[in-house]
């Protein structure tokens, strides 16, 4: 759900980030290994798409740091070298998956989704509660059989609430998990997006606001 793209080719990094956002992920981009370590220390990412040949701090060293720290972030390693020896070396360092360049973008999205399902917040592919049904693989949602036309952000918010299984989720956690690092916490983005989601879910209301705490289904 939240992804860091660490790639020194800035055009490629932004193309990957744009595509992942369209697929429903919140994405940050960095262009060096030291910046990747800084972001990974600040934010809780489900997956890092990590170029192996990063400047300043090598991708191998970023991987070693995450493994040594016991990080829950899954690592999809990218490299221009596609030999079996390179793949084995990357996986032996602790990477969870490996994708040689050039790659087909649908495969990248599929691998990121697969890694996300193996992350510290696992969830079944089908989520159901209070007449809502969500298929997290096909990216579809419905209420009492009525298909819901949700934006990627609305889908992400609803998925987080469904995964909470009735527990209250704070606005801060929603902002952390569904928006990227550039989101302004004082814009009311969560409140506005939640209002739109409520409108699409229809009546009777399913999302309740717990004053001063957060939201729950």
N, C-alpha and C. Protein backbone atom coordinates (compact mmCIF):
# COMPACT_ATOMS: atom_id res chain seq x y z
N UNK A 1 0.83 -1.20 0.00
CA UNK A 1 0.00 0.00 0.00
C UNK A 1 0.86 1.25 0.00
N UNK A 2 1.96 1.23 0.74
CA UNK A 2 2.90 2.35 0.68
C UNK A 2 4.25 1.84 0.20
N UNK A 3 4.77 2.48 -0.85
CA UNK A 3 5.96 1.98 -1.54
C UNK A 3 6.99 3.09 -1.65
N UNK A 4 8.27 2.73 -1.46
CA UNK A 4 9.38 3.62 -1.73
C UNK A 4 10.09 3.12 -2.98
N UNK A 5 10.25 4.02 -3.96
CA UNK A 5 11.02 3.70 -5.16
C UNK A 5 12.38 4.36 -5.03
N UNK A 6 13.44 3.56 -4.98
CA UNK A 6 14.80 4.06 -4.87
C UNK A 6 15.53 3.71 -6.16
N UNK A 7 15.67 4.69 -7.04
CA UNK A 7 16.21 4.47 -8.38
C UNK A 7 16.94 5.73 -8.82
N UNK A 8 18.22 5.59 -9.24
CA UNK A 8 19.01 6.78 -9.56
C UNK A 8 18.68 7.35 -10.93
N UNK A 9 18.05 6.58 -11.82
CA UNK A 9 17.59 7.12 -13.09
C UNK A 9 16.26 7.84 -12.82
N UNK A 10 16.31 9.15 -12.73
CA UNK A 10 15.15 9.90 -12.24
C UNK A 10 13.92 9.74 -13.13
N UNK A 11 14.12 9.70 -14.44
CA UNK A 11 12.98 9.54 -15.34
C UNK A 11 12.31 8.19 -15.11
N UNK A 12 13.12 7.14 -15.00
CA UNK A 12 12.57 5.81 -14.73
C UNK A 12 11.89 5.78 -13.38
N UNK A 13 12.50 6.40 -12.38
CA UNK A 13 11.91 6.42 -11.03
C UNK A 13 10.52 7.05 -11.05
N UNK A 14 10.40 8.17 -11.75
CA UNK A 14 9.10 8.86 -11.78
C UNK A 14 8.07 8.10 -12.60
N UNK A 15 8.52 7.42 -13.66
CA UNK A 15 7.60 6.59 -14.44
C UNK A 15 7.07 5.44 -13.60
N UNK A 16 7.97 4.79 -12.86
CA UNK A 16 7.55 3.69 -11.98
C UNK A 16 6.60 4.21 -10.91
N UNK A 17 6.94 5.34 -10.30
CA UNK A 17 6.10 5.90 -9.24
C UNK A 17 4.71 6.26 -9.77
N UNK A 18 4.65 6.87 -10.95
CA UNK A 18 3.36 7.24 -11.53
C UNK A 18 2.49 6.02 -11.78
N UNK A 19 3.11 4.98 -12.33
CA UNK A 19 2.36 3.76 -12.61
C UNK A 19 1.86 3.09 -11.34
N UNK A 20 2.69 3.07 -10.31
CA UNK A 20 2.28 2.46 -9.05
C UNK A 20 1.16 3.26 -8.38
N UNK A 21 1.22 4.60 -8.50
CA UNK A 21 0.13 5.42 -7.96
C UNK A 21 -1.18 5.11 -8.67
N UNK A 22 -1.11 4.94 -9.98
CA UNK A 22 -2.32 4.61 -10.74
C UNK A 22 -2.87 3.24 -10.34
N UNK A 23 -1.98 2.38 -9.85
CA UNK A 23 -2.41 1.05 -9.40
C UNK A 23 -2.92 1.08 -7.96
N UNK A 24 -2.90 2.26 -7.33
CA UNK A 24 -3.51 2.41 -6.01
C UNK A 24 -2.56 2.50 -4.84
N UNK A 25 -1.24 2.62 -5.11
CA UNK A 25 -0.27 2.71 -4.03
C UNK A 25 0.08 4.17 -3.73
N UNK A 26 0.45 4.41 -2.47
CA UNK A 26 1.06 5.69 -2.10
C UNK A 26 2.57 5.52 -2.28
N UNK A 27 3.20 6.42 -3.05
CA UNK A 27 4.58 6.20 -3.48
C UNK A 27 5.45 7.43 -3.22
N UNK A 28 6.65 7.19 -2.67
CA UNK A 28 7.69 8.20 -2.57
C UNK A 28 8.86 7.77 -3.45
N UNK A 29 9.62 8.73 -3.94
CA UNK A 29 10.78 8.42 -4.78
C UNK A 29 12.04 9.08 -4.21
N UNK A 30 13.14 8.34 -4.27
CA UNK A 30 14.46 8.87 -3.93
C UNK A 30 15.43 8.37 -4.98
N UNK A 31 16.60 9.04 -5.07
CA UNK A 31 17.52 8.76 -6.17
C UNK A 31 18.91 8.33 -5.69
N UNK A 32 19.07 8.04 -4.42
CA UNK A 32 20.36 7.61 -3.90
C UNK A 32 20.14 6.71 -2.69
N UNK A 33 21.18 5.94 -2.35
CA UNK A 33 21.06 5.02 -1.24
C UNK A 33 20.94 5.70 0.10
N UNK A 34 21.64 6.81 0.29
CA UNK A 34 21.54 7.49 1.58
C UNK A 34 20.16 8.10 1.78
N UNK A 35 19.58 8.61 0.69
CA UNK A 35 18.21 9.13 0.79
C UNK A 35 17.22 7.99 1.07
N UNK A 36 17.46 6.82 0.47
CA UNK A 36 16.58 5.67 0.73
C UNK A 36 16.62 5.31 2.21
N UNK A 37 17.82 5.27 2.80
CA UNK A 37 17.94 4.95 4.21
C UNK A 37 17.24 5.99 5.09
N UNK A 38 17.34 7.25 4.69
CA UNK A 38 16.69 8.32 5.46
C UNK A 38 15.17 8.15 5.45
N UNK A 39 14.60 7.90 4.27
CA UNK A 39 13.14 7.72 4.16
C UNK A 39 12.69 6.46 4.89
N UNK A 40 13.46 5.39 4.74
CA UNK A 40 13.09 4.13 5.40
C UNK A 40 13.14 4.26 6.91
N UNK A 41 13.96 5.18 7.40
CA UNK A 41 14.02 5.43 8.83
C UNK A 41 12.88 6.30 9.34
N UNK A 42 12.25 7.04 8.42
CA UNK A 42 11.19 7.97 8.82
C UNK A 42 9.79 7.39 8.67
N UNK A 43 9.61 6.56 7.62
CA UNK A 43 8.26 6.11 7.27
C UNK A 43 8.18 4.59 7.25
N UNK A 44 6.97 4.08 7.43
CA UNK A 44 6.71 2.64 7.45
C UNK A 44 6.25 2.20 6.07
N UNK A 45 7.15 1.65 5.28
CA UNK A 45 6.83 1.21 3.93
C UNK A 45 6.51 -0.28 3.90
N UNK A 46 5.55 -0.64 3.07
CA UNK A 46 5.27 -2.06 2.85
C UNK A 46 6.33 -2.68 1.96
N UNK A 47 6.72 -1.95 0.91
CA UNK A 47 7.68 -2.46 -0.08
C UNK A 47 8.62 -1.34 -0.49
N UNK A 48 9.90 -1.69 -0.70
CA UNK A 48 10.84 -0.77 -1.35
C UNK A 48 11.27 -1.40 -2.66
N UNK A 49 11.08 -0.65 -3.75
CA UNK A 49 11.59 -1.05 -5.07
C UNK A 49 12.98 -0.45 -5.16
N UNK A 50 14.00 -1.29 -5.06
CA UNK A 50 15.36 -0.85 -4.77
C UNK A 50 16.30 -1.18 -5.93
N UNK A 51 16.79 -0.13 -6.59
CA UNK A 51 17.82 -0.33 -7.61
C UNK A 51 19.10 -0.77 -6.90
N UNK A 52 19.73 -1.79 -7.43
CA UNK A 52 20.92 -2.31 -6.74
C UNK A 52 22.11 -1.36 -6.85
N UNK A 53 22.23 -0.64 -7.97
CA UNK A 53 23.41 0.20 -8.20
C UNK A 53 23.13 1.66 -7.87
N UNK A 54 22.75 1.93 -6.64
CA UNK A 54 22.47 3.30 -6.21
C UNK A 54 23.76 4.03 -5.88
N UNK A 55 23.80 5.35 -6.11
CA UNK A 55 24.99 6.12 -5.72
C UNK A 55 25.01 6.40 -4.22
N UNK A 56 26.20 6.75 -3.74
CA UNK A 56 26.50 7.15 -2.36
C UNK A 56 26.39 5.99 -1.37
N UNK A 57 25.24 5.34 -1.31
CA UNK A 57 25.13 4.09 -0.54
C UNK A 57 24.58 3.04 -1.49
N UNK A 58 25.34 1.97 -1.71
CA UNK A 58 24.94 0.93 -2.66
C UNK A 58 23.66 0.24 -2.21
N UNK A 59 22.87 -0.22 -3.18
CA UNK A 59 21.64 -0.93 -2.86
C UNK A 59 21.86 -2.15 -1.99
N UNK A 60 23.01 -2.82 -2.18
CA UNK A 60 23.33 -3.97 -1.34
C UNK A 60 23.43 -3.56 0.14
N UNK A 61 24.02 -2.38 0.36
CA UNK A 61 24.18 -1.91 1.73
C UNK A 61 22.85 -1.48 2.34
N UNK A 62 21.96 -0.93 1.51
CA UNK A 62 20.61 -0.61 1.99
C UNK A 62 19.90 -1.88 2.42
N UNK A 63 20.05 -2.93 1.60
CA UNK A 63 19.43 -4.22 1.93
C UNK A 63 20.00 -4.78 3.23
N UNK A 64 21.32 -4.74 3.37
CA UNK A 64 21.95 -5.23 4.60
C UNK A 64 21.43 -4.48 5.83
N UNK A 65 21.27 -3.17 5.68
CA UNK A 65 20.78 -2.36 6.80
C UNK A 65 19.37 -2.77 7.19
N UNK A 66 18.48 -2.96 6.21
CA UNK A 66 17.11 -3.34 6.51
C UNK A 66 17.04 -4.71 7.18
N UNK A 67 17.83 -5.64 6.67
CA UNK A 67 17.84 -7.00 7.24
C UNK A 67 18.37 -6.96 8.67
N UNK A 68 19.48 -6.24 8.89
CA UNK A 68 20.07 -6.18 10.22
C UNK A 68 19.13 -5.53 11.23
N UNK A 69 18.33 -4.56 10.76
CA UNK A 69 17.41 -3.85 11.64
C UNK A 69 16.11 -4.63 11.88
N UNK A 70 15.95 -5.76 11.19
CA UNK A 70 14.71 -6.53 11.33
C UNK A 70 13.52 -5.83 10.73
N UNK A 71 13.74 -5.05 9.68
CA UNK A 71 12.67 -4.26 9.07
C UNK A 71 11.58 -5.16 8.48
N UNK A 72 10.35 -4.70 8.59
CA UNK A 72 9.22 -5.42 7.99
C UNK A 72 9.04 -5.08 6.50
N UNK A 73 9.76 -4.10 6.01
CA UNK A 73 9.63 -3.68 4.61
C UNK A 73 10.16 -4.76 3.68
N UNK A 74 9.35 -5.15 2.71
CA UNK A 74 9.76 -6.12 1.70
C UNK A 74 10.60 -5.44 0.63
N UNK A 75 11.58 -6.17 0.10
CA UNK A 75 12.54 -5.58 -0.85
C UNK A 75 12.39 -6.24 -2.21
N UNK A 76 12.05 -5.42 -3.22
CA UNK A 76 12.08 -5.84 -4.62
C UNK A 76 13.30 -5.19 -5.26
N UNK A 77 14.31 -5.98 -5.55
CA UNK A 77 15.57 -5.44 -6.06
C UNK A 77 15.56 -5.38 -7.58
N UNK A 78 15.97 -4.22 -8.11
CA UNK A 78 16.09 -4.01 -9.55
C UNK A 78 17.56 -3.92 -9.92
N UNK A 79 17.92 -4.44 -11.08
CA UNK A 79 19.29 -4.29 -11.54
C UNK A 79 19.35 -4.46 -13.05
N UNK A 80 20.33 -3.81 -13.66
CA UNK A 80 20.54 -3.95 -15.10
C UNK A 80 21.19 -5.28 -15.43
N UNK A 81 21.80 -5.93 -14.45
CA UNK A 81 22.44 -7.23 -14.66
C UNK A 81 21.43 -8.33 -14.41
N UNK A 82 21.30 -9.24 -15.35
CA UNK A 82 20.26 -10.25 -15.24
C UNK A 82 20.78 -11.67 -15.13
N UNK A 83 22.05 -11.85 -14.82
CA UNK A 83 22.59 -13.20 -14.73
C UNK A 83 22.08 -13.89 -13.48
N UNK A 84 22.13 -15.23 -13.49
CA UNK A 84 21.68 -15.99 -12.34
C UNK A 84 22.52 -15.65 -11.11
N UNK A 85 23.82 -15.43 -11.30
CA UNK A 85 24.69 -15.10 -10.18
C UNK A 85 24.26 -13.81 -9.50
N UNK A 86 23.86 -12.82 -10.31
CA UNK A 86 23.39 -11.56 -9.74
C UNK A 86 22.10 -11.75 -8.96
N UNK A 87 21.20 -12.55 -9.52
CA UNK A 87 19.93 -12.79 -8.82
C UNK A 87 20.18 -13.49 -7.49
N UNK A 88 21.04 -14.50 -7.51
CA UNK A 88 21.34 -15.24 -6.29
C UNK A 88 21.99 -14.32 -5.26
N UNK A 89 22.92 -13.47 -5.72
CA UNK A 89 23.61 -12.57 -4.79
C UNK A 89 22.62 -11.62 -4.13
N UNK A 90 21.70 -11.05 -4.92
CA UNK A 90 20.72 -10.13 -4.36
C UNK A 90 19.80 -10.81 -3.36
N UNK A 91 19.34 -12.01 -3.69
CA UNK A 91 18.45 -12.73 -2.78
C UNK A 91 19.18 -13.18 -1.53
N UNK A 92 20.45 -13.55 -1.68
CA UNK A 92 21.22 -13.98 -0.51
C UNK A 92 21.44 -12.83 0.47
N UNK A 93 21.46 -11.60 -0.04
CA UNK A 93 21.60 -10.45 0.85
C UNK A 93 20.37 -10.23 1.72
N UNK A 94 19.22 -10.73 1.24
CA UNK A 94 17.99 -10.55 2.00
C UNK A 94 16.86 -9.95 1.21
N UNK A 95 17.08 -9.69 -0.10
CA UNK A 95 15.98 -9.20 -0.94
C UNK A 95 14.89 -10.26 -1.03
N UNK A 96 13.63 -9.83 -1.09
CA UNK A 96 12.51 -10.76 -1.17
C UNK A 96 12.20 -11.17 -2.60
N UNK A 97 12.54 -10.32 -3.55
CA UNK A 97 12.29 -10.62 -4.96
C UNK A 97 13.29 -9.84 -5.79
N UNK A 98 13.40 -10.21 -7.06
CA UNK A 98 14.45 -9.68 -7.93
C UNK A 98 13.87 -9.50 -9.32
N UNK A 99 14.09 -8.33 -9.92
CA UNK A 99 13.56 -8.07 -11.26
C UNK A 99 14.63 -7.39 -12.10
N UNK A 100 15.10 -8.06 -13.17
CA UNK A 100 16.14 -7.45 -14.01
C UNK A 100 15.53 -6.40 -14.95
N UNK A 101 16.31 -5.37 -15.24
CA UNK A 101 15.91 -4.37 -16.23
C UNK A 101 16.35 -4.86 -17.62
N UNK A 102 15.61 -4.51 -18.67
CA UNK A 102 14.29 -3.85 -18.65
C UNK A 102 13.21 -4.83 -18.24
N UNK A 103 12.13 -4.30 -17.68
CA UNK A 103 11.04 -5.16 -17.21
C UNK A 103 9.72 -4.64 -17.77
N UNK A 104 8.74 -5.52 -17.78
CA UNK A 104 7.39 -5.13 -18.18
C UNK A 104 6.67 -4.58 -16.96
N UNK A 105 6.04 -3.42 -17.10
CA UNK A 105 5.47 -2.75 -15.94
C UNK A 105 4.38 -3.56 -15.25
N UNK A 106 3.48 -4.25 -15.97
CA UNK A 106 2.48 -5.07 -15.26
C UNK A 106 3.12 -6.11 -14.34
N UNK A 107 4.28 -6.64 -14.74
CA UNK A 107 4.95 -7.61 -13.89
C UNK A 107 5.45 -6.94 -12.60
N UNK A 108 5.98 -5.73 -12.72
CA UNK A 108 6.44 -5.00 -11.55
C UNK A 108 5.29 -4.78 -10.58
N UNK A 109 4.15 -4.32 -11.08
CA UNK A 109 2.99 -4.07 -10.22
C UNK A 109 2.55 -5.36 -9.54
N UNK A 110 2.51 -6.44 -10.30
CA UNK A 110 2.09 -7.73 -9.74
C UNK A 110 3.04 -8.18 -8.64
N UNK A 111 4.34 -7.98 -8.84
CA UNK A 111 5.31 -8.41 -7.83
C UNK A 111 5.22 -7.53 -6.58
N UNK A 112 4.98 -6.23 -6.76
CA UNK A 112 4.82 -5.35 -5.60
C UNK A 112 3.59 -5.77 -4.79
N UNK A 113 2.50 -6.06 -5.49
CA UNK A 113 1.29 -6.50 -4.79
C UNK A 113 1.53 -7.81 -4.04
N UNK A 114 2.25 -8.73 -4.67
CA UNK A 114 2.52 -10.01 -4.03
C UNK A 114 3.37 -9.81 -2.77
N UNK A 115 4.36 -8.91 -2.85
CA UNK A 115 5.19 -8.64 -1.69
C UNK A 115 4.40 -7.96 -0.59
N UNK A 116 3.50 -7.08 -0.99
CA UNK A 116 2.67 -6.39 0.01
C UNK A 116 1.84 -7.41 0.80
N UNK A 117 1.34 -8.43 0.09
CA UNK A 117 0.54 -9.45 0.78
C UNK A 117 1.39 -10.25 1.76
N UNK A 118 2.71 -10.26 1.56
CA UNK A 118 3.60 -10.98 2.48
C UNK A 118 4.17 -10.06 3.55
N UNK A 119 3.76 -8.80 3.56
CA UNK A 119 4.33 -7.83 4.50
C UNK A 119 3.78 -8.05 5.91
N UNK A 120 4.14 -7.14 6.79
CA UNK A 120 3.76 -7.28 8.20
C UNK A 120 2.27 -7.09 8.43
N UNK A 121 1.55 -6.60 7.40
CA UNK A 121 0.11 -6.41 7.56
C UNK A 121 -0.62 -7.30 6.57
N UNK A 122 -0.50 -8.62 6.73
CA UNK A 122 -1.12 -9.51 5.76
C UNK A 122 -2.64 -9.40 5.80
N UNK A 123 -3.25 -9.64 4.67
CA UNK A 123 -4.70 -9.61 4.60
C UNK A 123 -5.17 -10.62 3.57
N UNK A 124 -6.30 -11.25 3.80
CA UNK A 124 -6.82 -12.19 2.79
C UNK A 124 -7.20 -11.41 1.53
N UNK A 125 -7.19 -12.07 0.37
CA UNK A 125 -7.53 -11.36 -0.87
C UNK A 125 -8.97 -10.89 -0.91
N UNK A 126 -9.87 -11.55 -0.18
CA UNK A 126 -11.27 -11.15 -0.12
C UNK A 126 -11.60 -10.65 1.28
N UNK A 127 -12.05 -9.41 1.36
CA UNK A 127 -12.42 -8.81 2.64
C UNK A 127 -13.92 -8.55 2.65
N UNK A 128 -14.58 -8.91 3.74
CA UNK A 128 -16.03 -8.73 3.84
C UNK A 128 -16.39 -8.21 5.23
N UNK A 129 -17.32 -7.27 5.25
CA UNK A 129 -17.85 -6.77 6.51
C UNK A 129 -19.06 -5.89 6.22
N UNK A 130 -20.12 -6.08 6.98
CA UNK A 130 -21.31 -5.22 6.94
C UNK A 130 -21.85 -5.04 5.53
N UNK A 131 -21.90 -6.13 4.77
CA UNK A 131 -22.43 -6.05 3.41
C UNK A 131 -21.44 -5.58 2.37
N UNK A 132 -20.25 -5.21 2.81
CA UNK A 132 -19.19 -4.80 1.88
C UNK A 132 -18.36 -6.02 1.49
N UNK A 133 -17.94 -6.04 0.25
CA UNK A 133 -17.06 -7.10 -0.24
C UNK A 133 -15.98 -6.46 -1.09
N UNK A 134 -14.71 -6.82 -0.80
CA UNK A 134 -13.59 -6.23 -1.54
C UNK A 134 -12.66 -7.35 -2.00
N UNK A 135 -12.32 -7.32 -3.28
CA UNK A 135 -11.32 -8.22 -3.84
C UNK A 135 -10.05 -7.41 -4.03
N UNK A 136 -9.04 -7.62 -3.17
CA UNK A 136 -7.83 -6.81 -3.20
C UNK A 136 -6.92 -7.17 -4.36
N UNK A 137 -7.14 -8.32 -4.99
CA UNK A 137 -6.34 -8.72 -6.15
C UNK A 137 -6.90 -8.09 -7.42
N UNK A 138 -8.21 -8.25 -7.62
CA UNK A 138 -8.84 -7.68 -8.82
C UNK A 138 -9.16 -6.19 -8.66
N UNK A 139 -8.98 -5.67 -7.44
CA UNK A 139 -9.22 -4.26 -7.15
C UNK A 139 -10.67 -3.87 -7.41
N UNK A 140 -11.59 -4.67 -6.91
CA UNK A 140 -13.02 -4.39 -7.03
C UNK A 140 -13.64 -4.37 -5.64
N UNK A 141 -14.74 -3.61 -5.52
CA UNK A 141 -15.47 -3.53 -4.26
C UNK A 141 -16.96 -3.39 -4.54
N UNK A 142 -17.76 -3.93 -3.64
CA UNK A 142 -19.21 -3.84 -3.83
C UNK A 142 -19.89 -3.76 -2.47
N UNK A 143 -21.11 -3.25 -2.48
CA UNK A 143 -21.95 -3.23 -1.27
C UNK A 143 -23.28 -3.87 -1.61
N UNK A 144 -23.58 -4.95 -0.92
CA UNK A 144 -24.83 -5.68 -1.17
C UNK A 144 -25.00 -5.99 -2.66
N UNK A 145 -23.91 -6.36 -3.32
CA UNK A 145 -23.95 -6.70 -4.73
C UNK A 145 -23.83 -5.53 -5.69
N UNK A 146 -23.88 -4.29 -5.15
CA UNK A 146 -23.76 -3.10 -6.01
C UNK A 146 -22.28 -2.72 -6.15
N UNK A 147 -21.81 -2.70 -7.38
CA UNK A 147 -20.41 -2.37 -7.61
C UNK A 147 -20.13 -0.92 -7.21
N UNK A 148 -19.00 -0.71 -6.56
CA UNK A 148 -18.60 0.63 -6.13
C UNK A 148 -17.51 1.16 -7.04
N UNK A 149 -17.71 2.35 -7.56
CA UNK A 149 -16.71 2.99 -8.42
C UNK A 149 -15.83 3.87 -7.54
N UNK A 150 -14.73 3.30 -7.07
CA UNK A 150 -13.87 4.00 -6.11
C UNK A 150 -12.58 4.46 -6.78
N UNK A 151 -12.10 5.63 -6.37
CA UNK A 151 -10.79 6.09 -6.81
C UNK A 151 -9.73 5.26 -6.08
N UNK A 152 -8.48 5.25 -6.55
CA UNK A 152 -7.43 4.51 -5.84
C UNK A 152 -7.31 4.90 -4.37
N UNK A 153 -7.47 6.20 -4.07
CA UNK A 153 -7.36 6.64 -2.68
C UNK A 153 -8.53 6.13 -1.85
N UNK A 154 -9.73 6.18 -2.40
CA UNK A 154 -10.91 5.68 -1.69
C UNK A 154 -10.82 4.17 -1.46
N UNK A 155 -10.31 3.47 -2.47
CA UNK A 155 -10.12 2.03 -2.34
C UNK A 155 -9.14 1.73 -1.21
N UNK A 156 -8.04 2.50 -1.16
CA UNK A 156 -7.04 2.30 -0.11
C UNK A 156 -7.64 2.54 1.28
N UNK A 157 -8.41 3.61 1.43
CA UNK A 157 -9.02 3.91 2.73
C UNK A 157 -9.99 2.80 3.15
N UNK A 158 -10.81 2.35 2.21
CA UNK A 158 -11.77 1.30 2.55
C UNK A 158 -11.04 0.00 2.90
N UNK A 159 -9.96 -0.30 2.19
CA UNK A 159 -9.21 -1.51 2.49
C UNK A 159 -8.62 -1.46 3.90
N UNK A 160 -8.08 -0.32 4.28
CA UNK A 160 -7.51 -0.18 5.62
C UNK A 160 -8.59 -0.38 6.69
N UNK A 161 -9.76 0.20 6.47
CA UNK A 161 -10.85 0.06 7.43
C UNK A 161 -11.35 -1.39 7.50
N UNK A 162 -11.44 -2.06 6.35
CA UNK A 162 -11.86 -3.45 6.34
C UNK A 162 -10.85 -4.34 7.05
N UNK A 163 -9.57 -4.08 6.82
CA UNK A 163 -8.53 -4.86 7.47
C UNK A 163 -8.54 -4.67 8.99
N UNK A 164 -8.98 -3.50 9.43
CA UNK A 164 -9.04 -3.23 10.88
C UNK A 164 -10.14 -4.03 11.57
N UNK A 165 -11.09 -4.56 10.78
CA UNK A 165 -12.12 -5.46 11.29
C UNK A 165 -12.92 -4.85 12.44
N UNK A 166 -13.33 -3.61 12.26
CA UNK A 166 -14.17 -2.94 13.26
C UNK A 166 -13.41 -2.08 14.24
N UNK A 167 -12.10 -2.21 14.30
CA UNK A 167 -11.31 -1.38 15.21
C UNK A 167 -11.21 0.04 14.66
N UNK A 168 -10.99 0.98 15.54
CA UNK A 168 -10.85 2.38 15.13
C UNK A 168 -9.47 2.61 14.54
N UNK A 169 -9.43 3.30 13.39
CA UNK A 169 -8.17 3.65 12.74
C UNK A 169 -8.04 5.17 12.81
N UNK A 170 -6.94 5.65 13.33
CA UNK A 170 -6.76 7.09 13.49
C UNK A 170 -6.53 7.77 12.14
N UNK A 171 -6.83 9.06 12.08
CA UNK A 171 -6.57 9.84 10.87
C UNK A 171 -5.08 9.85 10.56
N UNK A 172 -4.27 9.86 11.61
CA UNK A 172 -2.81 9.86 11.41
C UNK A 172 -2.35 8.58 10.73
N UNK A 173 -2.92 7.44 11.14
CA UNK A 173 -2.53 6.18 10.51
C UNK A 173 -3.01 6.12 9.07
N UNK A 174 -4.22 6.61 8.81
CA UNK A 174 -4.72 6.65 7.43
C UNK A 174 -3.83 7.51 6.55
N UNK A 175 -3.41 8.66 7.08
CA UNK A 175 -2.53 9.54 6.32
C UNK A 175 -1.18 8.86 6.08
N UNK A 176 -0.68 8.18 7.08
CA UNK A 176 0.62 7.51 6.98
C UNK A 176 0.61 6.39 5.95
N UNK A 177 -0.51 5.66 5.88
CA UNK A 177 -0.54 4.47 5.03
C UNK A 177 -1.08 4.71 3.64
N UNK A 178 -1.88 5.74 3.45
CA UNK A 178 -2.54 5.92 2.15
C UNK A 178 -2.04 7.13 1.36
N UNK A 179 -1.22 7.97 1.98
CA UNK A 179 -0.67 9.14 1.28
C UNK A 179 0.85 9.06 1.26
N UNK A 180 1.49 9.82 0.38
CA UNK A 180 2.95 9.81 0.34
C UNK A 180 3.51 10.85 1.31
N UNK A 181 4.84 10.98 1.30
CA UNK A 181 5.51 11.82 2.29
C UNK A 181 5.24 13.31 2.10
N UNK A 182 4.72 13.69 0.94
CA UNK A 182 4.48 15.10 0.66
C UNK A 182 3.10 15.57 1.11
N UNK A 183 2.30 14.66 1.65
CA UNK A 183 0.96 15.04 2.09
C UNK A 183 1.06 15.96 3.31
N UNK A 184 0.32 17.04 3.27
CA UNK A 184 0.29 18.00 4.38
C UNK A 184 -0.71 17.49 5.42
N UNK A 185 -0.26 17.19 6.63
CA UNK A 185 -1.17 16.65 7.65
C UNK A 185 -2.25 17.64 8.10
N UNK A 186 -2.12 18.90 7.69
CA UNK A 186 -3.08 19.91 8.13
C UNK A 186 -4.07 20.32 7.03
N UNK A 187 -4.08 19.58 5.92
CA UNK A 187 -4.97 19.96 4.81
C UNK A 187 -6.38 19.42 4.96
N UNK A 188 -6.59 18.47 5.87
CA UNK A 188 -7.90 17.83 5.96
C UNK A 188 -8.13 16.83 4.86
N UNK A 189 -7.02 16.30 4.25
CA UNK A 189 -7.14 15.37 3.13
C UNK A 189 -7.90 14.11 3.53
N UNK A 190 -7.65 13.61 4.73
CA UNK A 190 -8.33 12.39 5.17
C UNK A 190 -9.83 12.65 5.31
N UNK A 191 -10.18 13.77 5.92
CA UNK A 191 -11.60 14.10 6.13
C UNK A 191 -12.32 14.24 4.79
N UNK A 192 -11.69 14.91 3.83
CA UNK A 192 -12.33 15.11 2.51
C UNK A 192 -12.49 13.79 1.79
N UNK A 193 -11.43 12.96 1.77
CA UNK A 193 -11.50 11.67 1.09
C UNK A 193 -12.52 10.75 1.76
N UNK A 194 -12.59 10.81 3.09
CA UNK A 194 -13.55 9.98 3.81
C UNK A 194 -14.98 10.41 3.50
N UNK A 195 -15.19 11.70 3.34
CA UNK A 195 -16.52 12.19 2.99
C UNK A 195 -16.96 11.68 1.62
N UNK A 196 -16.04 11.68 0.67
CA UNK A 196 -16.34 11.17 -0.68
C UNK A 196 -16.62 9.67 -0.64
N UNK A 197 -15.82 8.94 0.17
CA UNK A 197 -16.03 7.51 0.28
C UNK A 197 -17.39 7.21 0.88
N UNK A 198 -17.77 7.94 1.91
CA UNK A 198 -19.08 7.73 2.53
C UNK A 198 -20.19 7.94 1.51
N UNK A 199 -20.04 8.98 0.69
CA UNK A 199 -21.05 9.25 -0.32
C UNK A 199 -21.21 8.10 -1.30
N UNK A 200 -20.10 7.48 -1.67
CA UNK A 200 -20.16 6.37 -2.64
C UNK A 200 -20.68 5.09 -2.00
N UNK A 201 -20.45 4.92 -0.69
CA UNK A 201 -20.96 3.72 -0.02
C UNK A 201 -22.48 3.78 0.13
N UNK A 202 -23.04 4.98 0.23
CA UNK A 202 -24.48 5.14 0.29
C UNK A 202 -25.07 4.91 1.67
N UNK A 203 -26.39 4.76 1.70
CA UNK A 203 -27.13 4.62 2.96
C UNK A 203 -27.51 3.16 3.22
N UNK A 204 -27.68 2.78 4.48
CA UNK A 204 -27.35 3.56 5.69
C UNK A 204 -25.85 3.69 5.85
N UNK A 205 -25.40 4.70 6.61
CA UNK A 205 -23.97 4.95 6.76
C UNK A 205 -23.24 3.74 7.36
N UNK A 206 -22.05 3.47 6.87
CA UNK A 206 -21.25 2.35 7.37
C UNK A 206 -20.03 2.81 8.15
N UNK A 207 -19.53 3.99 7.84
CA UNK A 207 -18.31 4.48 8.49
C UNK A 207 -18.71 5.44 9.61
N UNK A 208 -18.26 5.16 10.80
CA UNK A 208 -18.56 6.07 11.92
C UNK A 208 -17.29 6.81 12.33
N UNK A 209 -17.48 8.04 12.74
CA UNK A 209 -16.39 8.86 13.24
C UNK A 209 -16.36 8.77 14.77
N UNK A 210 -15.23 8.41 15.32
CA UNK A 210 -15.04 8.40 16.76
C UNK A 210 -14.32 9.68 17.10
N UNK A 211 -15.05 10.63 17.65
CA UNK A 211 -14.54 11.98 17.84
C UNK A 211 -13.19 11.98 18.56
N UNK A 212 -12.21 12.63 17.94
CA UNK A 212 -10.90 12.78 18.54
C UNK A 212 -10.05 11.51 18.46
N UNK A 213 -10.59 10.44 17.85
CA UNK A 213 -9.83 9.18 17.79
C UNK A 213 -9.60 8.75 16.34
N UNK A 214 -10.68 8.61 15.55
CA UNK A 214 -10.50 8.20 14.16
C UNK A 214 -11.78 7.68 13.56
N UNK A 215 -11.66 6.65 12.71
CA UNK A 215 -12.79 6.12 11.95
C UNK A 215 -12.85 4.61 12.08
N UNK A 216 -14.08 4.06 11.95
CA UNK A 216 -14.25 2.62 12.03
C UNK A 216 -15.44 2.20 11.17
N UNK A 217 -15.41 0.98 10.69
CA UNK A 217 -16.54 0.39 10.00
C UNK A 217 -17.42 -0.32 11.02
